[in-house]
Amino acid sequence: MSKTRQISITLPEDLIETIKAAVDRGEARSVSSYIASRLAPGVVMDALFAEWDADRGAPTAEDTAWATQELDRALAEQAKNNRDSAA
């Protein structure tokens, strides 16, 4: 088990309630373990992207603009599909 240290963070009230509900359902042992389990994959991805950038260079502004546009398009399409499914 890795060493832990207590810190203080501020979160939106609705997010806190969502996390506490997950803990109450047994999805995590505590609020801290819930947050840590959700952050860990992002930390790994950050390290992978940093390694990629070091090996191959960071994405160009053009690549970043294209990716942003595609993500926006995909998220809008997903939102529309969710609305259509709910109707």
PDB file of N, CA and C in Angstrom:
ATOM      1  N   MET A   1       0.850  -1.184   0.000  1.00  0.00           N
ATOM      2  CA  MET A   1       0.000   0.000   0.000  1.00  0.00           C
ATOM      3  C   MET A   1       0.888   1.238   0.000  1.00  0.00           C
ATOM      4  N   SER A   2       0.545   2.202  -0.826  1.00  0.00           N
ATOM      5  CA  SER A   2       1.365   3.401  -0.895  1.00  0.00           C
ATOM      6  C   SER A   2       1.075   4.309   0.297  1.00  0.00           C
ATOM      7  N   LYS A   3       2.044   5.130   0.592  1.00  0.00           N
ATOM      8  CA  LYS A   3       1.932   6.066   1.700  1.00  0.00           C
ATOM      9  C   LYS A   3       0.865   7.105   1.380  1.00  0.00           C
ATOM     10  N   THR A   4       0.096   7.507   2.364  1.00  0.00           N
ATOM     11  CA  THR A   4      -0.937   8.509   2.163  1.00  0.00           C
ATOM     12  C   THR A   4      -0.678   9.721   3.046  1.00  0.00           C
ATOM     13  N   ARG A   5      -1.318  10.822   2.657  1.00  0.00           N
ATOM     14  CA  ARG A   5      -1.227  12.050   3.438  1.00  0.00           C
ATOM     15  C   ARG A   5      -2.568  12.763   3.320  1.00  0.00           C
ATOM     16  N   GLN A   6      -3.030  13.307   4.395  1.00  0.00           N
ATOM     17  CA  GLN A   6      -4.304  14.004   4.397  1.00  0.00           C
ATOM     18  C   GLN A   6      -4.143  15.420   3.854  1.00  0.00           C
ATOM     19  N   ILE A   7      -5.069  15.804   2.961  1.00  0.00           N
ATOM     20  CA  ILE A   7      -5.105  17.158   2.427  1.00  0.00           C
ATOM     21  C   ILE A   7      -6.549  17.651   2.486  1.00  0.00           C
ATOM     22  N   SER A   8      -6.744  18.892   2.185  1.00  0.00           N
ATOM     23  CA  SER A   8      -8.083  19.464   2.133  1.00  0.00           C
ATOM     24  C   SER A   8      -8.348  19.944   0.710  1.00  0.00           C
ATOM     25  N   ILE A   9      -9.538  19.596   0.165  1.00  0.00           N
ATOM     26  CA  ILE A   9      -9.921  20.075  -1.155  1.00  0.00           C
ATOM     27  C   ILE A   9     -11.338  20.634  -1.085  1.00  0.00           C
ATOM     28  N   THR A  10     -11.672  21.469  -2.027  1.00  0.00           N
ATOM     29  CA  THR A  10     -13.012  22.038  -2.127  1.00  0.00           C
ATOM     30  C   THR A  10     -13.641  21.508  -3.405  1.00  0.00           C
ATOM     31  N   LEU A  11     -14.857  20.965  -3.256  1.00  0.00           N
ATOM     32  CA  LEU A  11     -15.582  20.397  -4.392  1.00  0.00           C
ATOM     33  C   LEU A  11     -16.996  20.950  -4.412  1.00  0.00           C
ATOM     34  N   PRO A  12     -17.623  20.953  -5.576  1.00  0.00           N
ATOM     35  CA  PRO A  12     -19.035  21.350  -5.639  1.00  0.00           C
ATOM     36  C   PRO A  12     -19.891  20.400  -4.791  1.00  0.00           C
ATOM     37  N   GLU A  13     -20.897  20.955  -4.146  1.00  0.00           N
ATOM     38  CA  GLU A  13     -21.750  20.183  -3.235  1.00  0.00           C
ATOM     39  C   GLU A  13     -22.363  18.959  -3.915  1.00  0.00           C
ATOM     40  N   ASP A  14     -22.840  19.120  -5.165  1.00  0.00           N
ATOM     41  CA  ASP A  14     -23.468  17.984  -5.844  1.00  0.00           C
ATOM     42  C   ASP A  14     -22.474  16.858  -6.100  1.00  0.00           C
ATOM     43  N   LEU A  15     -21.229  17.204  -6.358  1.00  0.00           N
ATOM     44  CA  LEU A  15     -20.197  16.187  -6.561  1.00  0.00           C
ATOM     45  C   LEU A  15     -19.914  15.439  -5.258  1.00  0.00           C
ATOM     46  N   ILE A  16     -19.869  16.164  -4.170  1.00  0.00           N
ATOM     47  CA  ILE A  16     -19.657  15.528  -2.864  1.00  0.00           C
ATOM     48  C   ILE A  16     -20.773  14.539  -2.570  1.00  0.00           C
ATOM     49  N   GLU A  17     -22.008  14.945  -2.832  1.00  0.00           N
ATOM     50  CA  GLU A  17     -23.148  14.045  -2.590  1.00  0.00           C
ATOM     51  C   GLU A  17     -23.082  12.807  -3.477  1.00  0.00           C
ATOM     52  N   THR A  18     -22.673  12.985  -4.711  1.00  0.00           N
ATOM     53  CA  THR A  18     -22.526  11.851  -5.630  1.00  0.00           C
ATOM     54  C   THR A  18     -21.473  10.877  -5.106  1.00  0.00           C
ATOM     55  N   ILE A  19     -20.353  11.411  -4.643  1.00  0.00           N
ATOM     56  CA  ILE A  19     -19.271  10.565  -4.122  1.00  0.00           C
ATOM     57  C   ILE A  19     -19.727   9.845  -2.863  1.00  0.00           C
ATOM     58  N   LYS A  20     -20.375  10.563  -1.957  1.00  0.00           N
ATOM     59  CA  LYS A  20     -20.849   9.932  -0.713  1.00  0.00           C
ATOM     60  C   LYS A  20     -21.867   8.834  -1.009  1.00  0.00           C
ATOM     61  N   ALA A  21     -22.720   9.050  -1.989  1.00  0.00           N
ATOM     62  CA  ALA A  21     -23.688   8.024  -2.372  1.00  0.00           C
ATOM     63  C   ALA A  21     -22.979   6.783  -2.900  1.00  0.00           C
ATOM     64  N   ALA A  22     -21.927   6.977  -3.676  1.00  0.00           N
ATOM     65  CA  ALA A  22     -21.150   5.836  -4.181  1.00  0.00           C
ATOM     66  C   ALA A  22     -20.512   5.072  -3.026  1.00  0.00           C
ATOM     67  N   VAL A  23     -19.997   5.788  -2.053  1.00  0.00           N
ATOM     68  CA  VAL A  23     -19.411   5.142  -0.872  1.00  0.00           C
ATOM     69  C   VAL A  23     -20.497   4.365  -0.128  1.00  0.00           C
ATOM     70  N   ASP A  24     -21.663   4.981   0.047  1.00  0.00           N
ATOM     71  CA  ASP A  24     -22.773   4.309   0.735  1.00  0.00           C
ATOM     72  C   ASP A  24     -23.210   3.036   0.016  1.00  0.00           C
ATOM     73  N   ARG A  25     -23.086   3.029  -1.320  1.00  0.00           N
ATOM     74  CA  ARG A  25     -23.436   1.828  -2.098  1.00  0.00           C
ATOM     75  C   ARG A  25     -22.334   0.774  -2.073  1.00  0.00           C
ATOM     76  N   GLY A  26     -21.213   1.101  -1.431  1.00  0.00           N
ATOM     77  CA  GLY A  26     -20.113   0.147  -1.345  1.00  0.00           C
ATOM     78  C   GLY A  26     -19.171   0.173  -2.529  1.00  0.00           C
ATOM     79  N   GLU A  27     -19.242   1.209  -3.373  1.00  0.00           N
ATOM     80  CA  GLU A  27     -18.361   1.296  -4.531  1.00  0.00           C
ATOM     81  C   GLU A  27     -16.947   1.711  -4.158  1.00  0.00           C
ATOM     82  N   ALA A  28     -16.780   2.237  -2.945  1.00  0.00           N
ATOM     83  CA  ALA A  28     -15.455   2.615  -2.435  1.00  0.00           C
ATOM     84  C   ALA A  28     -15.519   2.561  -0.914  1.00  0.00           C
ATOM     85  N   ARG A  29     -14.344   2.412  -0.305  1.00  0.00           N
ATOM     86  CA  ARG A  29     -14.289   2.351   1.172  1.00  0.00           C
ATOM     87  C   ARG A  29     -14.520   3.703   1.805  1.00  0.00           C
ATOM     88  N   SER A  30     -14.148   4.763   1.110  1.00  0.00           N
ATOM     89  CA  SER A  30     -14.231   6.106   1.672  1.00  0.00           C
ATOM     90  C   SER A  30     -14.257   7.134   0.541  1.00  0.00           C
ATOM     91  N   VAL A  31     -14.555   8.375   0.895  1.00  0.00           N
ATOM     92  CA  VAL A  31     -14.509   9.457  -0.075  1.00  0.00           C
ATOM     93  C   VAL A  31     -13.104   9.556  -0.659  1.00  0.00           C
ATOM     94  N   SER A  32     -12.104   9.466   0.198  1.00  0.00           N
ATOM     95  CA  SER A  32     -10.712   9.559  -0.269  1.00  0.00           C
ATOM     96  C   SER A  32     -10.377   8.446  -1.249  1.00  0.00           C
ATOM     97  N   SER A  33     -10.772   7.220  -0.943  1.00  0.00           N
ATOM     98  CA  SER A  33     -10.441   6.116  -1.851  1.00  0.00           C
ATOM     99  C   SER A  33     -11.210   6.245  -3.161  1.00  0.00           C
ATOM    100  N   TYR A  34     -12.433   6.770  -3.105  1.00  0.00           N
ATOM    101  CA  TYR A  34     -13.193   6.998  -4.342  1.00  0.00           C
ATOM    102  C   TYR A  34     -12.462   7.993  -5.232  1.00  0.00           C
ATOM    103  N   ILE A  35     -12.075   9.119  -4.653  1.00  0.00           N
ATOM    104  CA  ILE A  35     -11.388  10.152  -5.428  1.00  0.00           C
ATOM    105  C   ILE A  35     -10.063   9.621  -5.969  1.00  0.00           C
ATOM    106  N   ALA A  36      -9.293   8.922  -5.133  1.00  0.00           N
ATOM    107  CA  ALA A  36      -8.005   8.378  -5.572  1.00  0.00           C
ATOM    108  C   ALA A  36      -8.190   7.399  -6.733  1.00  0.00           C
ATOM    109  N   SER A  37      -9.225   6.566  -6.666  1.00  0.00           N
ATOM    110  CA  SER A  37      -9.444   5.579  -7.733  1.00  0.00           C
ATOM    111  C   SER A  37      -9.830   6.239  -9.044  1.00  0.00           C
ATOM    112  N   ARG A  38     -10.481   7.397  -8.976  1.00  0.00           N
ATOM    113  CA  ARG A  38     -10.852   8.106 -10.195  1.00  0.00           C
ATOM    114  C   ARG A  38      -9.698   8.932 -10.749  1.00  0.00           C
ATOM    115  N   LEU A  39      -8.797   9.377  -9.899  1.00  0.00           N
ATOM    116  CA  LEU A  39      -7.656  10.173 -10.351  1.00  0.00           C
ATOM    117  C   LEU A  39      -6.536   9.318 -10.936  1.00  0.00           C
ATOM    118  N   ALA A  40      -6.350   8.124 -10.414  1.00  0.00           N
ATOM    119  CA  ALA A  40      -5.217   7.283 -10.810  1.00  0.00           C
ATOM    120  C   ALA A  40      -5.119   7.061 -12.321  1.00  0.00           C
ATOM    121  N   PRO A  41      -6.214   6.723 -13.018  1.00  0.00           N
ATOM    122  CA  PRO A  41      -6.090   6.536 -14.472  1.00  0.00           C
ATOM    123  C   PRO A  41      -5.626   7.808 -15.188  1.00  0.00           C
ATOM    124  N   GLY A  42      -6.077   8.963 -14.733  1.00  0.00           N
ATOM    125  CA  GLY A  42      -5.651  10.216 -15.346  1.00  0.00           C
ATOM    126  C   GLY A  42      -4.171  10.475 -15.158  1.00  0.00           C
ATOM    127  N   VAL A  43      -3.652  10.111 -13.998  1.00  0.00           N
ATOM    128  CA  VAL A  43      -2.221  10.276 -13.734  1.00  0.00           C
ATOM    129  C   VAL A  43      -1.413   9.392 -14.683  1.00  0.00           C
ATOM    130  N   VAL A  44      -1.881   8.167 -14.887  1.00  0.00           N
ATOM    131  CA  VAL A  44      -1.210   7.257 -15.818  1.00  0.00           C
ATOM    132  C   VAL A  44      -1.253   7.819 -17.232  1.00  0.00           C
ATOM    133  N   MET A  45      -2.417   8.321 -17.647  1.00  0.00           N
ATOM    134  CA  MET A  45      -2.527   8.892 -18.992  1.00  0.00           C
ATOM    135  C   MET A  45      -1.625  10.113 -19.154  1.00  0.00           C
ATOM    136  N   ASP A  46      -1.561  10.963 -18.136  1.00  0.00           N
ATOM    137  CA  ASP A  46      -0.664  12.125 -18.202  1.00  0.00           C
ATOM    138  C   ASP A  46       0.781  11.689 -18.422  1.00  0.00           C
ATOM    139  N   ALA A  47       1.195  10.634 -17.719  1.00  0.00           N
ATOM    140  CA  ALA A  47       2.557  10.129 -17.867  1.00  0.00           C
ATOM    141  C   ALA A  47       2.779   9.573 -19.277  1.00  0.00           C
ATOM    142  N   LEU A  48       1.791   8.862 -19.802  1.00  0.00           N
ATOM    143  CA  LEU A  48       1.916   8.317 -21.155  1.00  0.00           C
ATOM    144  C   LEU A  48       1.999   9.427 -22.196  1.00  0.00           C
ATOM    145  N   PHE A  49       1.165  10.455 -22.043  1.00  0.00           N
ATOM    146  CA  PHE A  49       1.223  11.575 -22.981  1.00  0.00           C
ATOM    147  C   PHE A  49       2.548  12.320 -22.882  1.00  0.00           C
ATOM    148  N   ALA A  50       3.067  12.480 -21.682  1.00  0.00           N
ATOM    149  CA  ALA A  50       4.366  13.151 -21.514  1.00  0.00           C
ATOM    150  C   ALA A  50       5.468  12.343 -22.193  1.00  0.00           C
ATOM    151  N   GLU A  51       5.402  11.010 -22.061  1.00  0.00           N
ATOM    152  CA  GLU A  51       6.392  10.146 -22.717  1.00  0.00           C
ATOM    153  C   GLU A  51       6.260  10.253 -24.239  1.00  0.00           C
ATOM    154  N   TRP A  52       5.022  10.245 -24.729  1.00  0.00           N
ATOM    155  CA  TRP A  52       4.781  10.393 -26.169  1.00  0.00           C
ATOM    156  C   TRP A  52       5.359  11.711 -26.668  1.00  0.00           C
ATOM    157  N   ASP A  53       5.052  12.799 -25.952  1.00  0.00           N
ATOM    158  CA  ASP A  53       5.550  14.115 -26.357  1.00  0.00           C
ATOM    159  C   ASP A  53       7.074  14.162 -26.349  1.00  0.00           C
ATOM    160  N   ALA A  54       7.693  13.530 -25.351  1.00  0.00           N
ATOM    161  CA  ALA A  54       9.156  13.526 -25.269  1.00  0.00           C
ATOM    162  C   ALA A  54       9.767  12.759 -26.442  1.00  0.00           C
ATOM    163  N   ASP A  55       9.117  11.668 -26.836  1.00  0.00           N
ATOM    164  CA  ASP A  55       9.628  10.841 -27.928  1.00  0.00           C
ATOM    165  C   ASP A  55       9.341  11.427 -29.312  1.00  0.00           C
ATOM    166  N   ARG A  56       8.164  11.997 -29.483  1.00  0.00           N
ATOM    167  CA  ARG A  56       7.705  12.377 -30.819  1.00  0.00           C
ATOM    168  C   ARG A  56       7.403  13.859 -30.976  1.00  0.00           C
ATOM    169  N   GLY A  57       7.443  14.594 -29.892  1.00  0.00           N
ATOM    170  CA  GLY A  57       7.079  16.008 -29.927  1.00  0.00           C
ATOM    171  C   GLY A  57       5.602  16.194 -29.624  1.00  0.00           C
ATOM    172  N   ALA A  58       5.277  17.335 -29.094  1.00  0.00           N
ATOM    173  CA  ALA A  58       3.897  17.643 -28.751  1.00  0.00           C
ATOM    174  C   ALA A  58       3.060  17.816 -30.023  1.00  0.00           C
ATOM    175  N   PRO A  59       1.753  17.614 -29.927  1.00  0.00           N
ATOM    176  CA  PRO A  59       0.889  17.841 -31.086  1.00  0.00           C
ATOM    177  C   PRO A  59       0.966  19.293 -31.558  1.00  0.00           C
ATOM    178  N   THR A  60       0.808  19.476 -32.838  1.00  0.00           N
ATOM    179  CA  THR A  60       0.800  20.830 -33.390  1.00  0.00           C
ATOM    180  C   THR A  60      -0.515  21.512 -33.014  1.00  0.00           C
ATOM    181  N   ALA A  61      -0.544  22.823 -33.189  1.00  0.00           N
ATOM    182  CA  ALA A  61      -1.775  23.579 -32.940  1.00  0.00           C
ATOM    183  C   ALA A  61      -2.887  23.086 -33.860  1.00  0.00           C
ATOM    184  N   GLU A  62      -2.521  22.739 -35.084  1.00  0.00           N
ATOM    185  CA  GLU A  62      -3.507  22.211 -36.039  1.00  0.00           C
ATOM    186  C   GLU A  62      -4.083  20.875 -35.556  1.00  0.00           C
ATOM    187  N   ASP A  63      -3.214  19.985 -35.074  1.00  0.00           N
ATOM    188  CA  ASP A  63      -3.676  18.701 -34.538  1.00  0.00           C
ATOM    189  C   ASP A  63      -4.596  18.905 -33.341  1.00  0.00           C
ATOM    190  N   THR A  64      -4.225  19.806 -32.451  1.00  0.00           N
ATOM    191  CA  THR A  64      -5.020  20.079 -31.260  1.00  0.00           C
ATOM    192  C   THR A  64      -6.377  20.660 -31.636  1.00  0.00           C
ATOM    193  N   ALA A  65      -6.406  21.571 -32.601  1.00  0.00           N
ATOM    194  CA  ALA A  65      -7.675  22.155 -33.058  1.00  0.00           C
ATOM    195  C   ALA A  65      -8.571  21.079 -33.652  1.00  0.00           C
ATOM    196  N   TRP A  66      -8.002  20.195 -34.460  1.00  0.00           N
ATOM    197  CA  TRP A  66      -8.779  19.105 -35.062  1.00  0.00           C
ATOM    198  C   TRP A  66      -9.350  18.199 -33.968  1.00  0.00           C
ATOM    199  N   ALA A  67      -8.524  17.827 -32.997  1.00  0.00           N
ATOM    200  CA  ALA A  67      -8.975  16.942 -31.921  1.00  0.00           C
ATOM    201  C   ALA A  67     -10.090  17.597 -31.114  1.00  0.00           C
ATOM    202  N   THR A  68      -9.938  18.873 -30.819  1.00  0.00           N
ATOM    203  CA  THR A  68     -10.968  19.595 -30.073  1.00  0.00           C
ATOM    204  C   THR A  68     -12.281  19.620 -30.844  1.00  0.00           C
ATOM    205  N   GLN A  69     -12.191  19.883 -32.135  1.00  0.00           N
ATOM    206  CA  GLN A  69     -13.386  19.907 -32.979  1.00  0.00           C
ATOM    207  C   GLN A  69     -14.069  18.535 -32.999  1.00  0.00           C
ATOM    208  N   GLU A  70     -13.291  17.488 -33.145  1.00  0.00           N
ATOM    209  CA  GLU A  70     -13.866  16.141 -33.187  1.00  0.00           C
ATOM    210  C   GLU A  70     -14.482  15.739 -31.853  1.00  0.00           C
ATOM    211  N   LEU A  71     -13.827  16.091 -30.754  1.00  0.00           N
ATOM    212  CA  LEU A  71     -14.401  15.789 -29.438  1.00  0.00           C
ATOM    213  C   LEU A  71     -15.704  16.548 -29.231  1.00  0.00           C
ATOM    214  N   ASP A  72     -15.721  17.821 -29.605  1.00  0.00           N
ATOM    215  CA  ASP A  72     -16.949  18.608 -29.488  1.00  0.00           C
ATOM    216  C   ASP A  72     -18.071  17.998 -30.315  1.00  0.00           C
ATOM    217  N   ARG A  73     -17.737  17.574 -31.544  1.00  0.00           N
ATOM    218  CA  ARG A  73     -18.737  16.952 -32.412  1.00  0.00           C
ATOM    219  C   ARG A  73     -19.266  15.659 -31.796  1.00  0.00           C
ATOM    220  N   ALA A  74     -18.359  14.818 -31.298  1.00  0.00           N
ATOM    221  CA  ALA A  74     -18.757  13.537 -30.716  1.00  0.00           C
ATOM    222  C   ALA A  74     -19.604  13.734 -29.458  1.00  0.00           C
ATOM    223  N   LEU A  75     -19.230  14.699 -28.619  1.00  0.00           N
ATOM    224  CA  LEU A  75     -20.006  14.957 -27.408  1.00  0.00           C
ATOM    225  C   LEU A  75     -21.391  15.502 -27.735  1.00  0.00           C
ATOM    226  N   ALA A  76     -21.480  16.362 -28.748  1.00  0.00           N
ATOM    227  CA  ALA A  76     -22.781  16.890 -29.167  1.00  0.00           C
ATOM    228  C   ALA A  76     -23.657  15.760 -29.718  1.00  0.00           C
ATOM    229  N   GLU A  77     -23.058  14.879 -30.491  1.00  0.00           N
ATOM    230  CA  GLU A  77     -23.801  13.744 -31.042  1.00  0.00           C
ATOM    231  C   GLU A  77     -24.286  12.827 -29.918  1.00  0.00           C
ATOM    232  N   GLN A  78     -23.436  12.582 -28.940  1.00  0.00           N
ATOM    233  CA  GLN A  78     -23.818  11.737 -27.811  1.00  0.00           C
ATOM    234  C   GLN A  78     -24.963  12.380 -27.016  1.00  0.00           C
ATOM    235  N   ALA A  79     -24.881  13.682 -26.784  1.00  0.00           N
ATOM    236  CA  ALA A  79     -25.939  14.384 -26.055  1.00  0.00           C
ATOM    237  C   ALA A  79     -27.263  14.296 -26.812  1.00  0.00           C
ATOM    238  N   LYS A  80     -27.203  14.466 -28.136  1.00  0.00           N
ATOM    239  CA  LYS A  80     -28.411  14.365 -28.954  1.00  0.00           C
ATOM    240  C   LYS A  80     -28.997  12.965 -28.869  1.00  0.00           C
ATOM    241  N   ASN A  81     -28.143  11.950 -28.967  1.00  0.00           N
ATOM    242  CA  ASN A  81     -28.624  10.567 -28.873  1.00  0.00           C
ATOM    243  C   ASN A  81     -29.251  10.300 -27.504  1.00  0.00           C
ATOM    244  N   ASN A  82     -28.663  10.853 -26.453  1.00  0.00           N
ATOM    245  CA  ASN A  82     -29.219  10.670 -25.113  1.00  0.00           C
ATOM    246  C   ASN A  82     -30.593  11.339 -24.996  1.00  0.00           C
ATOM    247  N   ARG A  83     -30.716  12.549 -25.583  1.00  0.00           N
ATOM    248  CA  ARG A  83     -32.009  13.235 -25.570  1.00  0.00           C
ATOM    249  C   ARG A  83     -33.039  12.457 -26.372  1.00  0.00           C
ATOM    250  N   ASP A  84     -32.636  11.942 -27.534  1.00  0.00           N
ATOM    251  CA  ASP A  84     -33.558  11.179 -28.363  1.00  0.00           C
ATOM    252  C   ASP A  84     -34.006   9.899 -27.665  1.00  0.00           C
ATOM    253  N   SER A  85     -33.110   9.262 -26.937  1.00  0.00           N
ATOM    254  CA  SER A  85     -33.442   8.022 -26.224  1.00  0.00           C
ATOM    255  C   SER A  85     -34.395   8.281 -25.065  1.00  0.00           C
ATOM    256  N   ALA A  86     -34.266   9.448 -24.462  1.00  0.00           N
ATOM    257  CA  ALA A  86     -35.111   9.792 -23.312  1.00  0.00           C
ATOM    258  C   ALA A  86     -36.517  10.196 -23.744  1.00  0.00           C
ATOM    259  N   ALA A  87     -36.650  10.568 -25.013  1.00  0.00           N
ATOM    260  CA  ALA A  87     -37.973  11.058 -25.492  1.00  0.00           C
ATOM    261  C   ALA A  87     -38.910   9.930 -25.801  1.00  0.00           C
TER     262      ALA A  87
END
